């Protein structure tokens, strides 16, 4: 996950939600700009990028619902035939 929030805010978010995944704090917004997700107000859009081990973007999901994001990602990974590691 990448967020334009500060490291401190991302750490609080991670602890509050007991996240078991890393969160990159992109305060310079360079990553958000590179992926084209930075909105006009300087806030990153909530998109999911499915990237293969070679760095090729396989799919971009632009309609992400926080309440179903986990199951939605599992389903899309299956559709893309991404093996579980």
PDB file of N, CA and C in Angstrom:
ATOM      1  N   UNK A   1       0.842  -1.165   0.000  1.00  0.00           N
ATOM      2  CA  UNK A   1       0.000   0.000   0.000  1.00  0.00           C
ATOM      3  C   UNK A   1       0.888   1.227   0.000  1.00  0.00           C
ATOM      4  N   UNK A   2       0.465   2.242  -0.733  1.00  0.00           N
ATOM      5  CA  UNK A   2       1.182   3.517  -0.763  1.00  0.00           C
ATOM      6  C   UNK A   2       0.209   4.606  -0.335  1.00  0.00           C
ATOM      7  N   UNK A   3       0.677   5.485   0.525  1.00  0.00           N
ATOM      8  CA  UNK A   3      -0.148   6.588   1.013  1.00  0.00           C
ATOM      9  C   UNK A   3       0.663   7.874   0.970  1.00  0.00           C
ATOM     10  N   UNK A   4       0.016   8.987   0.666  1.00  0.00           N
ATOM     11  CA  UNK A   4       0.704  10.279   0.695  1.00  0.00           C
ATOM     12  C   UNK A   4       0.715  10.875   2.098  1.00  0.00           C
ATOM     13  N   UNK A   5       0.191  10.141   3.065  1.00  0.00           N
ATOM     14  CA  UNK A   5       0.202  10.594   4.453  1.00  0.00           C
ATOM     15  C   UNK A   5       1.598  10.436   5.046  1.00  0.00           C
ATOM     16  N   UNK A   6       1.801  11.066   6.196  1.00  0.00           N
ATOM     17  CA  UNK A   6       3.095  11.000   6.873  1.00  0.00           C
ATOM     18  C   UNK A   6       3.346   9.597   7.430  1.00  0.00           C
ATOM     19  N   UNK A   7       4.592   9.326   7.719  1.00  0.00           N
ATOM     20  CA  UNK A   7       4.960   8.048   8.330  1.00  0.00           C
ATOM     21  C   UNK A   7       4.216   7.853   9.651  1.00  0.00           C
ATOM     22  N   UNK A   8       4.096   8.911  10.423  1.00  0.00           N
ATOM     23  CA  UNK A   8       3.410   8.823  11.712  1.00  0.00           C
ATOM     24  C   UNK A   8       1.935   8.456  11.518  1.00  0.00           C
ATOM     25  N   UNK A   9       1.263   9.122  10.564  1.00  0.00           N
ATOM     26  CA  UNK A   9      -0.144   8.808  10.298  1.00  0.00           C
ATOM     27  C   UNK A   9      -0.309   7.378   9.789  1.00  0.00           C
ATOM     28  N   UNK A  10       0.596   6.947   8.922  1.00  0.00           N
ATOM     29  CA  UNK A  10       0.511   5.583   8.395  1.00  0.00           C
ATOM     30  C   UNK A  10       0.780   4.548   9.473  1.00  0.00           C
ATOM     31  N   UNK A  11       1.680   4.855  10.388  1.00  0.00           N
ATOM     32  CA  UNK A  11       1.958   3.943  11.499  1.00  0.00           C
ATOM     33  C   UNK A  11       0.728   3.807  12.385  1.00  0.00           C
ATOM     34  N   UNK A  12       0.064   4.927  12.692  1.00  0.00           N
ATOM     35  CA  UNK A  12      -1.161   4.890  13.493  1.00  0.00           C
ATOM     36  C   UNK A  12      -2.248   4.077  12.782  1.00  0.00           C
ATOM     37  N   UNK A  13      -2.413   4.309  11.472  1.00  0.00           N
ATOM     38  CA  UNK A  13      -3.393   3.569  10.679  1.00  0.00           C
ATOM     39  C   UNK A  13      -3.099   2.075  10.737  1.00  0.00           C
ATOM     40  N   UNK A  14      -1.842   1.728  10.537  1.00  0.00           N
ATOM     41  CA  UNK A  14      -1.431   0.325  10.541  1.00  0.00           C
ATOM     42  C   UNK A  14      -1.709  -0.339  11.882  1.00  0.00           C
ATOM     43  N   UNK A  15      -1.395   0.347  12.959  1.00  0.00           N
ATOM     44  CA  UNK A  15      -1.627  -0.206  14.292  1.00  0.00           C
ATOM     45  C   UNK A  15      -3.119  -0.315  14.593  1.00  0.00           C
ATOM     46  N   UNK A  16      -3.888   0.711  14.224  1.00  0.00           N
ATOM     47  CA  UNK A  16      -5.323   0.723  14.498  1.00  0.00           C
ATOM     48  C   UNK A  16      -6.037  -0.415  13.765  1.00  0.00           C
ATOM     49  N   UNK A  17      -5.600  -0.699  12.553  1.00  0.00           N
ATOM     50  CA  UNK A  17      -6.256  -1.730  11.747  1.00  0.00           C
ATOM     51  C   UNK A  17      -5.516  -3.073  11.763  1.00  0.00           C
ATOM     52  N   UNK A  18      -4.473  -3.152  12.585  1.00  0.00           N
ATOM     53  CA  UNK A  18      -3.664  -4.370  12.688  1.00  0.00           C
ATOM     54  C   UNK A  18      -3.255  -4.868  11.308  1.00  0.00           C
ATOM     55  N   UNK A  19      -2.777  -3.941  10.483  1.00  0.00           N
ATOM     56  CA  UNK A  19      -2.378  -4.262   9.110  1.00  0.00           C
ATOM     57  C   UNK A  19      -1.209  -5.234   9.105  1.00  0.00           C
ATOM     58  N   UNK A  20      -1.309  -6.224   8.251  1.00  0.00           N
ATOM     59  CA  UNK A  20      -0.220  -7.206   8.120  1.00  0.00           C
ATOM     60  C   UNK A  20       0.483  -7.044   6.778  1.00  0.00           C
ATOM     61  N   UNK A  21       0.538  -5.816   6.302  1.00  0.00           N
ATOM     62  CA  UNK A  21       1.188  -5.496   5.030  1.00  0.00           C
ATOM     63  C   UNK A  21       1.932  -4.168   5.209  1.00  0.00           C
ATOM     64  N   UNK A  22       2.959  -3.958   4.404  1.00  0.00           N
ATOM     65  CA  UNK A  22       3.717  -2.704   4.522  1.00  0.00           C
ATOM     66  C   UNK A  22       2.953  -1.526   3.898  1.00  0.00           C
ATOM     67  N   UNK A  23       3.201  -0.342   4.441  1.00  0.00           N
ATOM     68  CA  UNK A  23       2.636   0.887   3.904  1.00  0.00           C
ATOM     69  C   UNK A  23       3.792   1.844   3.602  1.00  0.00           C
ATOM     70  N   UNK A  24       3.907   2.228   2.340  1.00  0.00           N
ATOM     71  CA  UNK A  24       4.925   3.190   1.928  1.00  0.00           C
ATOM     72  C   UNK A  24       4.373   4.591   2.144  1.00  0.00           C
ATOM     73  N   UNK A  25       5.112   5.417   2.862  1.00  0.00           N
ATOM     74  CA  UNK A  25       4.709   6.798   3.083  1.00  0.00           C
ATOM     75  C   UNK A  25       5.336   7.659   1.995  1.00  0.00           C
ATOM     76  N   UNK A  26       4.514   8.131   1.073  1.00  0.00           N
ATOM     77  CA  UNK A  26       4.949   8.892  -0.107  1.00  0.00           C
ATOM     78  C   UNK A  26       4.649  10.378   0.092  1.00  0.00           C
ATOM     79  N   UNK A  27       5.276  10.995   1.105  1.00  0.00           N
ATOM     80  CA  UNK A  27       4.969  12.388   1.413  1.00  0.00           C
ATOM     81  C   UNK A  27       5.388  13.339   0.300  1.00  0.00           C
ATOM     82  N   UNK A  28       6.377  12.961  -0.498  1.00  0.00           N
ATOM     83  CA  UNK A  28       6.789  13.810  -1.627  1.00  0.00           C
ATOM     84  C   UNK A  28       5.808  13.684  -2.799  1.00  0.00           C
ATOM     85  N   UNK A  29       4.973  12.655  -2.742  1.00  0.00           N
ATOM     86  CA  UNK A  29       3.958  12.361  -3.759  1.00  0.00           C
ATOM     87  C   UNK A  29       4.558  11.955  -5.106  1.00  0.00           C
ATOM     88  N   UNK A  30       5.827  11.577  -5.103  1.00  0.00           N
ATOM     89  CA  UNK A  30       6.504  11.159  -6.332  1.00  0.00           C
ATOM     90  C   UNK A  30       5.917   9.865  -6.882  1.00  0.00           C
ATOM     91  N   UNK A  31       5.649   8.895  -6.019  1.00  0.00           N
ATOM     92  CA  UNK A  31       5.084   7.615  -6.461  1.00  0.00           C
ATOM     93  C   UNK A  31       3.659   7.834  -6.965  1.00  0.00           C
ATOM     94  N   UNK A  32       2.870   8.603  -6.224  1.00  0.00           N
ATOM     95  CA  UNK A  32       1.498   8.892  -6.641  1.00  0.00           C
ATOM     96  C   UNK A  32       1.482   9.576  -8.009  1.00  0.00           C
ATOM     97  N   UNK A  33       2.393  10.505  -8.221  1.00  0.00           N
ATOM     98  CA  UNK A  33       2.495  11.165  -9.525  1.00  0.00           C
ATOM     99  C   UNK A  33       2.888  10.181 -10.616  1.00  0.00           C
ATOM    100  N   UNK A  34       3.861   9.320 -10.320  1.00  0.00           N
ATOM    101  CA  UNK A  34       4.350   8.362 -11.315  1.00  0.00           C
ATOM    102  C   UNK A  34       3.251   7.398 -11.757  1.00  0.00           C
ATOM    103  N   UNK A  35       2.358   7.039 -10.845  1.00  0.00           N
ATOM    104  CA  UNK A  35       1.274   6.115 -11.172  1.00  0.00           C
ATOM    105  C   UNK A  35      -0.007   6.829 -11.619  1.00  0.00           C
ATOM    106  N   UNK A  36       0.032   8.148 -11.660  1.00  0.00           N
ATOM    107  CA  UNK A  36      -1.110   8.908 -12.148  1.00  0.00           C
ATOM    108  C   UNK A  36      -2.320   8.916 -11.240  1.00  0.00           C
ATOM    109  N   UNK A  37      -2.099   8.743  -9.945  1.00  0.00           N
ATOM    110  CA  UNK A  37      -3.233   8.673  -9.016  1.00  0.00           C
ATOM    111  C   UNK A  37      -3.419   9.932  -8.180  1.00  0.00           C
ATOM    112  N   UNK A  38      -2.555  10.907  -8.354  1.00  0.00           N
ATOM    113  CA  UNK A  38      -2.662  12.108  -7.539  1.00  0.00           C
ATOM    114  C   UNK A  38      -3.768  13.000  -8.080  1.00  0.00           C
ATOM    115  N   UNK A  39      -4.759  13.257  -7.243  1.00  0.00           N
ATOM    116  CA  UNK A  39      -5.887  14.093  -7.631  1.00  0.00           C
ATOM    117  C   UNK A  39      -5.542  15.569  -7.559  1.00  0.00           C
ATOM    118  N   UNK A  40      -6.419  16.422  -8.072  1.00  0.00           N
ATOM    119  CA  UNK A  40      -6.157  17.863  -8.105  1.00  0.00           C
ATOM    120  C   UNK A  40      -5.985  18.494  -6.723  1.00  0.00           C
ATOM    121  N   UNK A  41      -6.572  17.910  -5.699  1.00  0.00           N
ATOM    122  CA  UNK A  41      -6.439  18.455  -4.336  1.00  0.00           C
ATOM    123  C   UNK A  41      -5.192  17.935  -3.629  1.00  0.00           C
ATOM    124  N   UNK A  42      -4.358  17.136  -4.345  1.00  0.00           N
ATOM    125  CA  UNK A  42      -3.137  16.605  -3.742  1.00  0.00           C
ATOM    126  C   UNK A  42      -3.342  15.329  -2.958  1.00  0.00           C
ATOM    127  N   UNK A  43      -4.534  14.744  -3.060  1.00  0.00           N
ATOM    128  CA  UNK A  43      -4.842  13.489  -2.375  1.00  0.00           C
ATOM    129  C   UNK A  43      -4.820  12.368  -3.402  1.00  0.00           C
ATOM    130  N   UNK A  44      -4.240  11.248  -3.028  1.00  0.00           N
ATOM    131  CA  UNK A  44      -4.158  10.117  -3.948  1.00  0.00           C
ATOM    132  C   UNK A  44      -5.510   9.426  -4.091  1.00  0.00           C
ATOM    133  N   UNK A  45      -5.836   9.063  -5.323  1.00  0.00           N
ATOM    134  CA  UNK A  45      -7.049   8.275  -5.569  1.00  0.00           C
ATOM    135  C   UNK A  45      -6.810   6.855  -5.078  1.00  0.00           C
ATOM    136  N   UNK A  46      -7.843   6.178  -4.670  1.00  0.00           N
ATOM    137  CA  UNK A  46      -7.747   4.823  -4.143  1.00  0.00           C
ATOM    138  C   UNK A  46      -7.892   3.839  -5.298  1.00  0.00           C
ATOM    139  N   UNK A  47      -6.780   3.509  -5.926  1.00  0.00           N
ATOM    140  CA  UNK A  47      -6.758   2.553  -7.029  1.00  0.00           C
ATOM    141  C   UNK A  47      -5.905   1.360  -6.610  1.00  0.00           C
ATOM    142  N   UNK A  48      -6.183   0.202  -7.188  1.00  0.00           N
ATOM    143  CA  UNK A  48      -5.371  -0.986  -6.942  1.00  0.00           C
ATOM    144  C   UNK A  48      -4.674  -1.380  -8.235  1.00  0.00           C
ATOM    145  N   UNK A  49      -3.359  -1.527  -8.162  1.00  0.00           N
ATOM    146  CA  UNK A  49      -2.548  -1.954  -9.296  1.00  0.00           C
ATOM    147  C   UNK A  49      -2.108  -3.392  -9.059  1.00  0.00           C
ATOM    148  N   UNK A  50      -2.329  -4.252 -10.030  1.00  0.00           N
ATOM    149  CA  UNK A  50      -1.883  -5.644  -9.974  1.00  0.00           C
ATOM    150  C   UNK A  50      -0.635  -5.726 -10.844  1.00  0.00           C
ATOM    151  N   UNK A  51       0.494  -5.976 -10.208  1.00  0.00           N
ATOM    152  CA  UNK A  51       1.791  -5.925 -10.883  1.00  0.00           C
ATOM    153  C   UNK A  51       2.454  -7.288 -10.774  1.00  0.00           C
ATOM    154  N   UNK A  52       2.902  -7.822 -11.917  1.00  0.00           N
ATOM    155  CA  UNK A  52       3.534  -9.147 -11.895  1.00  0.00           C
ATOM    156  C   UNK A  52       4.982  -9.039 -11.407  1.00  0.00           C
ATOM    157  N   UNK A  53       5.634 -10.164 -11.151  1.00  0.00           N
ATOM    158  CA  UNK A  53       7.005 -10.141 -10.625  1.00  0.00           C
ATOM    159  C   UNK A  53       8.009  -9.416 -11.530  1.00  0.00           C
ATOM    160  N   UNK A  54       7.697  -9.306 -12.825  1.00  0.00           N
ATOM    161  CA  UNK A  54       8.588  -8.606 -13.751  1.00  0.00           C
ATOM    162  C   UNK A  54       8.317  -7.101 -13.798  1.00  0.00           C
ATOM    163  N   UNK A  55       7.323  -6.640 -13.026  1.00  0.00           N
ATOM    164  CA  UNK A  55       6.998  -5.223 -12.980  1.00  0.00           C
ATOM    165  C   UNK A  55       5.950  -4.777 -13.986  1.00  0.00           C
ATOM    166  N   UNK A  56       5.367  -5.719 -14.722  1.00  0.00           N
ATOM    167  CA  UNK A  56       4.334  -5.386 -15.701  1.00  0.00           C
ATOM    168  C   UNK A  56       2.993  -5.204 -14.984  1.00  0.00           C
ATOM    169  N   UNK A  57       2.320  -4.095 -15.281  1.00  0.00           N
ATOM    170  CA  UNK A  57       0.998  -3.854 -14.707  1.00  0.00           C
ATOM    171  C   UNK A  57      -0.008  -4.717 -15.460  1.00  0.00           C
ATOM    172  N   UNK A  58      -0.648  -5.632 -14.739  1.00  0.00           N
ATOM    173  CA  UNK A  58      -1.608  -6.557 -15.339  1.00  0.00           C
ATOM    174  C   UNK A  58      -3.015  -5.993 -15.360  1.00  0.00           C
ATOM    175  N   UNK A  59      -3.337  -5.180 -14.368  1.00  0.00           N
ATOM    176  CA  UNK A  59      -4.689  -4.634 -14.266  1.00  0.00           C
ATOM    177  C   UNK A  59      -4.673  -3.457 -13.307  1.00  0.00           C
ATOM    178  N   UNK A  60      -5.524  -2.471 -13.580  1.00  0.00           N
ATOM    179  CA  UNK A  60      -5.718  -1.336 -12.674  1.00  0.00           C
ATOM    180  C   UNK A  60      -7.196  -1.281 -12.320  1.00  0.00           C
ATOM    181  N   UNK A  61      -7.473  -1.370 -11.036  1.00  0.00           N
ATOM    182  CA  UNK A  61      -8.849  -1.271 -10.560  1.00  0.00           C
ATOM    183  C   UNK A  61      -9.061   0.144 -10.040  1.00  0.00           C
ATOM    184  N   UNK A  62      -9.949   0.892 -10.700  1.00  0.00           N
ATOM    185  CA  UNK A  62     -10.166   2.291 -10.349  1.00  0.00           C
ATOM    186  C   UNK A  62     -11.414   2.515  -9.508  1.00  0.00           C
ATOM    187  N   UNK A  63     -12.168   1.471  -9.260  1.00  0.00           N
ATOM    188  CA  UNK A  63     -13.368   1.589  -8.417  1.00  0.00           C
ATOM    189  C   UNK A  63     -13.207   0.682  -7.205  1.00  0.00           C
ATOM    190  N   UNK A  64     -12.423   1.140  -6.255  1.00  0.00           N
ATOM    191  CA  UNK A  64     -12.102   0.357  -5.068  1.00  0.00           C
ATOM    192  C   UNK A  64     -13.044   0.729  -3.927  1.00  0.00           C
ATOM    193  N   UNK A  65     -13.630  -0.280  -3.314  1.00  0.00           N
ATOM    194  CA  UNK A  65     -14.473  -0.081  -2.137  1.00  0.00           C
ATOM    195  C   UNK A  65     -13.708  -0.580  -0.918  1.00  0.00           C
ATOM    196  N   UNK A  66     -13.395   0.287   0.036  1.00  0.00           N
ATOM    197  CA  UNK A  66     -12.640  -0.151   1.215  1.00  0.00           C
ATOM    198  C   UNK A  66     -13.285  -1.328   1.946  1.00  0.00           C
ATOM    199  N   UNK A  67     -14.597  -1.395   1.946  1.00  0.00           N
ATOM    200  CA  UNK A  67     -15.277  -2.456   2.698  1.00  0.00           C
ATOM    201  C   UNK A  67     -15.151  -3.828   2.043  1.00  0.00           C
ATOM    202  N   UNK A  68     -14.862  -3.881   0.744  1.00  0.00           N
ATOM    203  CA  UNK A  68     -14.745  -5.174   0.047  1.00  0.00           C
ATOM    204  C   UNK A  68     -13.396  -5.341  -0.653  1.00  0.00           C
ATOM    205  N   UNK A  69     -12.457  -4.448  -0.385  1.00  0.00           N
ATOM    206  CA  UNK A  69     -11.180  -4.468  -1.109  1.00  0.00           C
ATOM    207  C   UNK A  69     -10.444  -5.803  -0.986  1.00  0.00           C
ATOM    208  N   UNK A  70     -10.397  -6.371   0.217  1.00  0.00           N
ATOM    209  CA  UNK A  70      -9.690  -7.650   0.402  1.00  0.00           C
ATOM    210  C   UNK A  70     -10.260  -8.761  -0.451  1.00  0.00           C
ATOM    211  N   UNK A  71     -11.544  -9.081  -0.297  1.00  0.00           N
ATOM    212  CA  UNK A  71     -12.139 -10.126  -1.131  1.00  0.00           C
ATOM    213  C   UNK A  71     -12.084  -9.804  -2.632  1.00  0.00           C
ATOM    214  N   UNK A  72     -12.230  -8.520  -2.973  1.00  0.00           N
ATOM    215  CA  UNK A  72     -12.156  -8.129  -4.382  1.00  0.00           C
ATOM    216  C   UNK A  72     -10.779  -8.417  -4.960  1.00  0.00           C
ATOM    217  N   UNK A  73      -9.734  -8.152  -4.164  1.00  0.00           N
ATOM    218  CA  UNK A  73      -8.371  -8.420  -4.638  1.00  0.00           C
ATOM    219  C   UNK A  73      -8.139  -9.917  -4.799  1.00  0.00           C
ATOM    220  N   UNK A  74      -8.609 -10.715  -3.857  1.00  0.00           N
ATOM    221  CA  UNK A  74      -8.451 -12.169  -3.953  1.00  0.00           C
ATOM    222  C   UNK A  74      -9.127 -12.679  -5.228  1.00  0.00           C
ATOM    223  N   UNK A  75     -10.327 -12.184  -5.492  1.00  0.00           N
ATOM    224  CA  UNK A  75     -11.053 -12.589  -6.700  1.00  0.00           C
ATOM    225  C   UNK A  75     -10.284 -12.199  -7.960  1.00  0.00           C
ATOM    226  N   UNK A  76      -9.801 -10.949  -8.019  1.00  0.00           N
ATOM    227  CA  UNK A  76      -9.073 -10.483  -9.210  1.00  0.00           C
ATOM    228  C   UNK A  76      -7.770 -11.260  -9.389  1.00  0.00           C
ATOM    229  N   UNK A  77      -7.075 -11.553  -8.311  1.00  0.00           N
ATOM    230  CA  UNK A  77      -5.839 -12.344  -8.416  1.00  0.00           C
ATOM    231  C   UNK A  77      -6.126 -13.708  -9.010  1.00  0.00           C
ATOM    232  N   UNK A  78      -7.268 -14.308  -8.633  1.00  0.00           N
ATOM    233  CA  UNK A  78      -7.674 -15.583  -9.219  1.00  0.00           C
ATOM    234  C   UNK A  78      -7.968 -15.442 -10.698  1.00  0.00           C
ATOM    235  N   UNK A  79      -8.678 -14.377 -11.065  1.00  0.00           N
ATOM    236  CA  UNK A  79      -8.991 -14.138 -12.477  1.00  0.00           C
ATOM    237  C   UNK A  79      -7.733 -13.938 -13.319  1.00  0.00           C
ATOM    238  N   UNK A  80      -6.703 -13.343 -12.693  1.00  0.00           N
ATOM    239  CA  UNK A  80      -5.442 -13.110 -13.386  1.00  0.00           C
ATOM    240  C   UNK A  80      -4.499 -14.306 -13.317  1.00  0.00           C
ATOM    241  N   UNK A  81      -4.969 -15.382 -12.688  1.00  0.00           N
ATOM    242  CA  UNK A  81      -4.175 -16.612 -12.518  1.00  0.00           C
ATOM    243  C   UNK A  81      -2.841 -16.349 -11.783  1.00  0.00           C
ATOM    244  N   UNK A  82      -2.929 -15.501 -10.766  1.00  0.00           N
ATOM    245  CA  UNK A  82      -1.766 -15.229  -9.952  1.00  0.00           C
ATOM    246  C   UNK A  82      -1.705 -16.284  -8.857  1.00  0.00           C
ATOM    247  N   UNK A  83      -0.615 -17.034  -8.824  1.00  0.00           N
ATOM    248  CA  UNK A  83      -0.473 -18.116  -7.867  1.00  0.00           C
ATOM    249  C   UNK A  83      -0.290 -17.565  -6.446  1.00  0.00           C
ATOM    250  N   UNK A  84      -0.893 -18.247  -5.499  1.00  0.00           N
ATOM    251  CA  UNK A  84      -0.746 -17.888  -4.088  1.00  0.00           C
ATOM    252  C   UNK A  84       0.635 -18.318  -3.637  1.00  0.00           C
ATOM    253  N   UNK A  85       1.327 -17.442  -2.927  1.00  0.00           N
ATOM    254  CA  UNK A  85       2.680 -17.792  -2.436  1.00  0.00           C
ATOM    255  C   UNK A  85       2.652 -18.115  -0.978  1.00  0.00           C
TER     256      UNK A  85
END
